[in-house]
């Protein structure tokens, strides 16, 4: 799933309030424990950091001639 900053904000808001229910637009997600909520927050953060990282560039050169 592609997470957005809004997802992270909603999870962090629930943590700050001490709630185990996170509301995303028209959905409610209820976590069993606060630890599970913290793990979700860490997973979302990691996903956002990985998607923001620049991709490495590969340059391939080919020479089909005889050379000098």
PDB file of N, CA and C in Angstrom:
ATOM      1  N   UNK A   1       0.839  -1.179   0.000  1.00  0.00           N
ATOM      2  CA  UNK A   1       0.000   0.000   0.000  1.00  0.00           C
ATOM      3  C   UNK A   1       0.880   1.237   0.000  1.00  0.00           C
ATOM      4  N   UNK A   2       0.485   2.203  -0.774  1.00  0.00           N
ATOM      5  CA  UNK A   2       1.235   3.447  -0.823  1.00  0.00           C
ATOM      6  C   UNK A   2       0.705   4.385   0.256  1.00  0.00           C
ATOM      7  N   UNK A   3       1.545   4.703   1.213  1.00  0.00           N
ATOM      8  CA  UNK A   3       1.159   5.590   2.299  1.00  0.00           C
ATOM      9  C   UNK A   3       1.440   7.034   1.917  1.00  0.00           C
ATOM     10  N   UNK A   4       0.696   7.931   2.525  1.00  0.00           N
ATOM     11  CA  UNK A   4       0.918   9.351   2.316  1.00  0.00           C
ATOM     12  C   UNK A   4       1.188  10.010   3.666  1.00  0.00           C
ATOM     13  N   UNK A   5       1.549  11.274   3.616  1.00  0.00           N
ATOM     14  CA  UNK A   5       1.802  12.017   4.840  1.00  0.00           C
ATOM     15  C   UNK A   5       0.535  12.114   5.690  1.00  0.00           C
ATOM     16  N   UNK A   6      -0.623  12.130   5.048  1.00  0.00           N
ATOM     17  CA  UNK A   6      -1.889  12.183   5.791  1.00  0.00           C
ATOM     18  C   UNK A   6      -2.076  10.938   6.654  1.00  0.00           C
ATOM     19  N   UNK A   7      -1.664   9.784   6.142  1.00  0.00           N
ATOM     20  CA  UNK A   7      -1.750   8.551   6.936  1.00  0.00           C
ATOM     21  C   UNK A   7      -0.877   8.659   8.185  1.00  0.00           C
ATOM     22  N   UNK A   8       0.332   9.136   7.989  1.00  0.00           N
ATOM     23  CA  UNK A   8       1.254   9.280   9.119  1.00  0.00           C
ATOM     24  C   UNK A   8       0.713  10.284  10.137  1.00  0.00           C
ATOM     25  N   UNK A   9       0.176  11.390   9.656  1.00  0.00           N
ATOM     26  CA  UNK A   9      -0.380  12.398  10.557  1.00  0.00           C
ATOM     27  C   UNK A   9      -1.536  11.834  11.386  1.00  0.00           C
ATOM     28  N   UNK A  10      -2.395  11.036  10.757  1.00  0.00           N
ATOM     29  CA  UNK A  10      -3.542  10.457  11.464  1.00  0.00           C
ATOM     30  C   UNK A  10      -3.084   9.487  12.547  1.00  0.00           C
ATOM     31  N   UNK A  11      -2.071   8.682  12.247  1.00  0.00           N
ATOM     32  CA  UNK A  11      -1.560   7.724  13.233  1.00  0.00           C
ATOM     33  C   UNK A  11      -0.895   8.465  14.381  1.00  0.00           C
ATOM     34  N   UNK A  12      -0.088   9.461  14.083  1.00  0.00           N
ATOM     35  CA  UNK A  12       0.578  10.224  15.137  1.00  0.00           C
ATOM     36  C   UNK A  12      -0.426  10.992  16.003  1.00  0.00           C
ATOM     37  N   UNK A  13      -1.502  11.458  15.404  1.00  0.00           N
ATOM     38  CA  UNK A  13      -2.542  12.151  16.167  1.00  0.00           C
ATOM     39  C   UNK A  13      -3.228  11.180  17.134  1.00  0.00           C
ATOM     40  N   UNK A  14      -3.489   9.976  16.679  1.00  0.00           N
ATOM     41  CA  UNK A  14      -4.105   8.968  17.546  1.00  0.00           C
ATOM     42  C   UNK A  14      -3.175   8.607  18.700  1.00  0.00           C
ATOM     43  N   UNK A  15      -1.888   8.505  18.425  1.00  0.00           N
ATOM     44  CA  UNK A  15      -0.912   8.191  19.476  1.00  0.00           C
ATOM     45  C   UNK A  15      -0.895   9.322  20.509  1.00  0.00           C
ATOM     46  N   UNK A  16      -0.891  10.557  20.034  1.00  0.00           N
ATOM     47  CA  UNK A  16      -0.845  11.706  20.938  1.00  0.00           C
ATOM     48  C   UNK A  16      -2.087  11.777  21.828  1.00  0.00           C
ATOM     49  N   UNK A  17      -3.223  11.361  21.306  1.00  0.00           N
ATOM     50  CA  UNK A  17      -4.463  11.386  22.077  1.00  0.00           C
ATOM     51  C   UNK A  17      -4.632  10.157  22.962  1.00  0.00           C
ATOM     52  N   UNK A  18      -3.810   9.157  22.762  1.00  0.00           N
ATOM     53  CA  UNK A  18      -3.922   7.931  23.540  1.00  0.00           C
ATOM     54  C   UNK A  18      -5.022   7.014  23.042  1.00  0.00           C
ATOM     55  N   UNK A  19      -5.447   7.200  21.816  1.00  0.00           N
ATOM     56  CA  UNK A  19      -6.498   6.380  21.223  1.00  0.00           C
ATOM     57  C   UNK A  19      -5.889   5.206  20.466  1.00  0.00           C
ATOM     58  N   UNK A  20      -6.690   4.173  20.263  1.00  0.00           N
ATOM     59  CA  UNK A  20      -6.258   3.035  19.460  1.00  0.00           C
ATOM     60  C   UNK A  20      -7.030   2.952  18.154  1.00  0.00           C
ATOM     61  N   UNK A  21      -7.829   3.985  17.872  1.00  0.00           N
ATOM     62  CA  UNK A  21      -8.618   4.040  16.640  1.00  0.00           C
ATOM     63  C   UNK A  21      -8.068   5.165  15.767  1.00  0.00           C
ATOM     64  N   UNK A  22      -7.785   4.834  14.510  1.00  0.00           N
ATOM     65  CA  UNK A  22      -7.276   5.816  13.554  1.00  0.00           C
ATOM     66  C   UNK A  22      -8.329   6.000  12.473  1.00  0.00           C
ATOM     67  N   UNK A  23      -8.623   7.244  12.146  1.00  0.00           N
ATOM     68  CA  UNK A  23      -9.639   7.550  11.142  1.00  0.00           C
ATOM     69  C   UNK A  23      -8.957   8.083   9.876  1.00  0.00           C
ATOM     70  N   UNK A  24      -9.211   7.405   8.750  1.00  0.00           N
ATOM     71  CA  UNK A  24      -8.733   7.833   7.438  1.00  0.00           C
ATOM     72  C   UNK A  24      -9.957   8.119   6.588  1.00  0.00           C
ATOM     73  N   UNK A  25     -10.221   9.353   6.310  1.00  0.00           N
ATOM     74  CA  UNK A  25     -11.350   9.760   5.453  1.00  0.00           C
ATOM     75  C   UNK A  25     -12.623   9.017   5.867  1.00  0.00           C
ATOM     76  N   UNK A  26     -12.992   7.965   5.152  1.00  0.00           N
ATOM     77  CA  UNK A  26     -14.233   7.241   5.443  1.00  0.00           C
ATOM     78  C   UNK A  26     -13.987   5.901   6.140  1.00  0.00           C
ATOM     79  N   UNK A  27     -12.770   5.653   6.606  1.00  0.00           N
ATOM     80  CA  UNK A  27     -12.439   4.369   7.235  1.00  0.00           C
ATOM     81  C   UNK A  27     -11.958   4.564   8.665  1.00  0.00           C
ATOM     82  N   UNK A  28     -12.238   3.574   9.487  1.00  0.00           N
ATOM     83  CA  UNK A  28     -11.726   3.529  10.849  1.00  0.00           C
ATOM     84  C   UNK A  28     -10.931   2.246  11.009  1.00  0.00           C
ATOM     85  N   UNK A  29      -9.750   2.362  11.583  1.00  0.00           N
ATOM     86  CA  UNK A  29      -8.913   1.194  11.863  1.00  0.00           C
ATOM     87  C   UNK A  29      -8.666   1.178  13.362  1.00  0.00           C
ATOM     88  N   UNK A  30      -9.015   0.063  13.989  1.00  0.00           N
ATOM     89  CA  UNK A  30      -8.813  -0.061  15.431  1.00  0.00           C
ATOM     90  C   UNK A  30      -7.673  -1.034  15.683  1.00  0.00           C
ATOM     91  N   UNK A  31      -6.657  -0.573  16.380  1.00  0.00           N
ATOM     92  CA  UNK A  31      -5.507  -1.389  16.728  1.00  0.00           C
ATOM     93  C   UNK A  31      -5.738  -2.015  18.097  1.00  0.00           C
ATOM     94  N   UNK A  32      -5.180  -3.213  18.308  1.00  0.00           N
ATOM     95  CA  UNK A  32      -5.402  -3.920  19.567  1.00  0.00           C
ATOM     96  C   UNK A  32      -4.621  -3.311  20.713  1.00  0.00           C
ATOM     97  N   UNK A  33      -3.382  -2.886  20.416  1.00  0.00           N
ATOM     98  CA  UNK A  33      -2.536  -2.321  21.462  1.00  0.00           C
ATOM     99  C   UNK A  33      -1.857  -1.062  20.948  1.00  0.00           C
ATOM    100  N   UNK A  34      -1.321  -0.296  21.875  1.00  0.00           N
ATOM    101  CA  UNK A  34      -0.568   0.896  21.500  1.00  0.00           C
ATOM    102  C   UNK A  34       0.725   0.493  20.797  1.00  0.00           C
ATOM    103  N   UNK A  35       1.319  -0.623  21.206  1.00  0.00           N
ATOM    104  CA  UNK A  35       2.534  -1.107  20.537  1.00  0.00           C
ATOM    105  C   UNK A  35       2.272  -1.408  19.063  1.00  0.00           C
ATOM    106  N   UNK A  36       1.119  -1.975  18.763  1.00  0.00           N
ATOM    107  CA  UNK A  36       0.756  -2.247  17.375  1.00  0.00           C
ATOM    108  C   UNK A  36       0.613  -0.939  16.598  1.00  0.00           C
ATOM    109  N   UNK A  37       0.079   0.068  17.242  1.00  0.00           N
ATOM    110  CA  UNK A  37      -0.066   1.388  16.621  1.00  0.00           C
ATOM    111  C   UNK A  37       1.300   2.015  16.366  1.00  0.00           C
ATOM    112  N   UNK A  38       2.213   1.858  17.310  1.00  0.00           N
ATOM    113  CA  UNK A  38       3.573   2.376  17.132  1.00  0.00           C
ATOM    114  C   UNK A  38       4.295   1.654  15.995  1.00  0.00           C
ATOM    115  N   UNK A  39       4.076   0.358  15.859  1.00  0.00           N
ATOM    116  CA  UNK A  39       4.681  -0.392  14.755  1.00  0.00           C
ATOM    117  C   UNK A  39       4.134   0.083  13.415  1.00  0.00           C
ATOM    118  N   UNK A  40       2.834   0.377  13.370  1.00  0.00           N
ATOM    119  CA  UNK A  40       2.236   0.900  12.142  1.00  0.00           C
ATOM    120  C   UNK A  40       2.853   2.240  11.782  1.00  0.00           C
ATOM    121  N   UNK A  41       3.049   3.092  12.789  1.00  0.00           N
ATOM    122  CA  UNK A  41       3.681   4.400  12.554  1.00  0.00           C
ATOM    123  C   UNK A  41       5.086   4.230  11.980  1.00  0.00           C
ATOM    124  N   UNK A  42       5.863   3.320  12.562  1.00  0.00           N
ATOM    125  CA  UNK A  42       7.222   3.089  12.073  1.00  0.00           C
ATOM    126  C   UNK A  42       7.223   2.555  10.653  1.00  0.00           C
ATOM    127  N   UNK A  43       6.274   1.667  10.335  1.00  0.00           N
ATOM    128  CA  UNK A  43       6.185   1.120   8.984  1.00  0.00           C
ATOM    129  C   UNK A  43       5.832   2.213   7.975  1.00  0.00           C
ATOM    130  N   UNK A  44       4.926   3.096   8.337  1.00  0.00           N
ATOM    131  CA  UNK A  44       4.543   4.194   7.440  1.00  0.00           C
ATOM    132  C   UNK A  44       5.722   5.138   7.236  1.00  0.00           C
ATOM    133  N   UNK A  45       6.432   5.466   8.318  1.00  0.00           N
ATOM    134  CA  UNK A  45       7.618   6.341   8.198  1.00  0.00           C
ATOM    135  C   UNK A  45       8.656   5.733   7.258  1.00  0.00           C
ATOM    136  N   UNK A  46       8.929   4.441   7.444  1.00  0.00           N
ATOM    137  CA  UNK A  46       9.921   3.760   6.603  1.00  0.00           C
ATOM    138  C   UNK A  46       9.488   3.780   5.148  1.00  0.00           C
ATOM    139  N   UNK A  47       8.219   3.529   4.908  1.00  0.00           N
ATOM    140  CA  UNK A  47       7.702   3.532   3.541  1.00  0.00           C
ATOM    141  C   UNK A  47       7.836   4.919   2.903  1.00  0.00           C
ATOM    142  N   UNK A  48       7.536   5.958   3.667  1.00  0.00           N
ATOM    143  CA  UNK A  48       7.653   7.314   3.124  1.00  0.00           C
ATOM    144  C   UNK A  48       9.111   7.686   2.855  1.00  0.00           C
ATOM    145  N   UNK A  49      10.014   7.271   3.735  1.00  0.00           N
ATOM    146  CA  UNK A  49      11.432   7.579   3.529  1.00  0.00           C
ATOM    147  C   UNK A  49      11.988   6.843   2.314  1.00  0.00           C
ATOM    148  N   UNK A  50      11.573   5.582   2.125  1.00  0.00           N
ATOM    149  CA  UNK A  50      12.061   4.807   0.986  1.00  0.00           C
ATOM    150  C   UNK A  50      11.526   5.340  -0.335  1.00  0.00           C
ATOM    151  N   UNK A  51      10.305   5.825  -0.332  1.00  0.00           N
ATOM    152  CA  UNK A  51       9.747   6.349  -1.578  1.00  0.00           C
ATOM    153  C   UNK A  51      10.341   7.703  -1.934  1.00  0.00           C
ATOM    154  N   UNK A  52      10.866   8.429  -0.938  1.00  0.00           N
ATOM    155  CA  UNK A  52      11.449   9.744  -1.194  1.00  0.00           C
ATOM    156  C   UNK A  52      12.918   9.662  -1.589  1.00  0.00           C
ATOM    157  N   UNK A  53      13.544   8.517  -1.355  1.00  0.00           N
ATOM    158  CA  UNK A  53      14.972   8.365  -1.663  1.00  0.00           C
ATOM    159  C   UNK A  53      15.183   8.351  -3.179  1.00  0.00           C
ATOM    160  N   UNK A  54      16.213   9.031  -3.642  1.00  0.00           N
ATOM    161  CA  UNK A  54      16.469   9.027  -5.082  1.00  0.00           C
ATOM    162  C   UNK A  54      16.937   7.645  -5.549  1.00  0.00           C
ATOM    163  N   UNK A  55      16.530   7.286  -6.720  1.00  0.00           N
ATOM    164  CA  UNK A  55      16.934   5.994  -7.291  1.00  0.00           C
ATOM    165  C   UNK A  55      18.321   6.119  -7.905  1.00  0.00           C
ATOM    166  N   UNK A  56      19.055   5.039  -7.854  1.00  0.00           N
ATOM    167  CA  UNK A  56      20.380   5.057  -8.463  1.00  0.00           C
ATOM    168  C   UNK A  56      20.238   5.000  -9.984  1.00  0.00           C
ATOM    169  N   UNK A  57      21.171   5.596 -10.663  1.00  0.00           N
ATOM    170  CA  UNK A  57      21.124   5.655 -12.117  1.00  0.00           C
ATOM    171  C   UNK A  57      22.161   4.708 -12.700  1.00  0.00           C
ATOM    172  N   UNK A  58      21.761   3.962 -13.698  1.00  0.00           N
ATOM    173  CA  UNK A  58      22.661   3.037 -14.377  1.00  0.00           C
ATOM    174  C   UNK A  58      22.857   3.547 -15.800  1.00  0.00           C
ATOM    175  N   UNK A  59      24.121   3.714 -16.186  1.00  0.00           N
ATOM    176  CA  UNK A  59      24.446   4.150 -17.537  1.00  0.00           C
ATOM    177  C   UNK A  59      25.261   3.051 -18.190  1.00  0.00           C
ATOM    178  N   UNK A  60      24.777   2.579 -19.320  1.00  0.00           N
ATOM    179  CA  UNK A  60      25.489   1.513 -20.030  1.00  0.00           C
ATOM    180  C   UNK A  60      26.025   2.070 -21.343  1.00  0.00           C
ATOM    181  N   UNK A  61      27.299   1.831 -21.564  1.00  0.00           N
ATOM    182  CA  UNK A  61      27.937   2.287 -22.797  1.00  0.00           C
ATOM    183  C   UNK A  61      28.248   1.075 -23.666  1.00  0.00           C
ATOM    184  N   UNK A  62      28.072   1.237 -24.959  1.00  0.00           N
ATOM    185  CA  UNK A  62      28.326   0.148 -25.884  1.00  0.00           C
ATOM    186  C   UNK A  62      29.085   0.682 -27.074  1.00  0.00           C
ATOM    187  N   UNK A  63      30.089  -0.063 -27.451  1.00  0.00           N
ATOM    188  CA  UNK A  63      30.868   0.315 -28.612  1.00  0.00           C
ATOM    189  C   UNK A  63      30.898  -0.896 -29.542  1.00  0.00           C
ATOM    190  N   UNK A  64      30.413  -0.750 -30.728  1.00  0.00           N
ATOM    191  CA  UNK A  64      30.335  -1.875 -31.656  1.00  0.00           C
ATOM    192  C   UNK A  64      31.435  -1.877 -32.706  1.00  0.00           C
ATOM    193  N   UNK A  65      32.342  -0.921 -32.628  1.00  0.00           N
ATOM    194  CA  UNK A  65      33.388  -0.841 -33.661  1.00  0.00           C
ATOM    195  C   UNK A  65      34.652  -1.596 -33.293  1.00  0.00           C
ATOM    196  N   UNK A  66      35.672  -1.509 -34.163  1.00  0.00           N
ATOM    197  CA  UNK A  66      36.930  -2.202 -33.958  1.00  0.00           C
ATOM    198  C   UNK A  66      37.848  -1.465 -32.997  1.00  0.00           C
ATOM    199  N   UNK A  67      37.690  -0.213 -32.886  1.00  0.00           N
ATOM    200  CA  UNK A  67      38.618   0.555 -32.070  1.00  0.00           C
ATOM    201  C   UNK A  67      39.716   1.141 -32.907  1.00  0.00           C
ATOM    202  N   UNK A  68      40.724   1.688 -32.309  1.00  0.00           N
ATOM    203  CA  UNK A  68      41.809   2.349 -33.052  1.00  0.00           C
ATOM    204  C   UNK A  68      42.977   1.475 -33.233  1.00  0.00           C
TER     205      UNK A  68
END
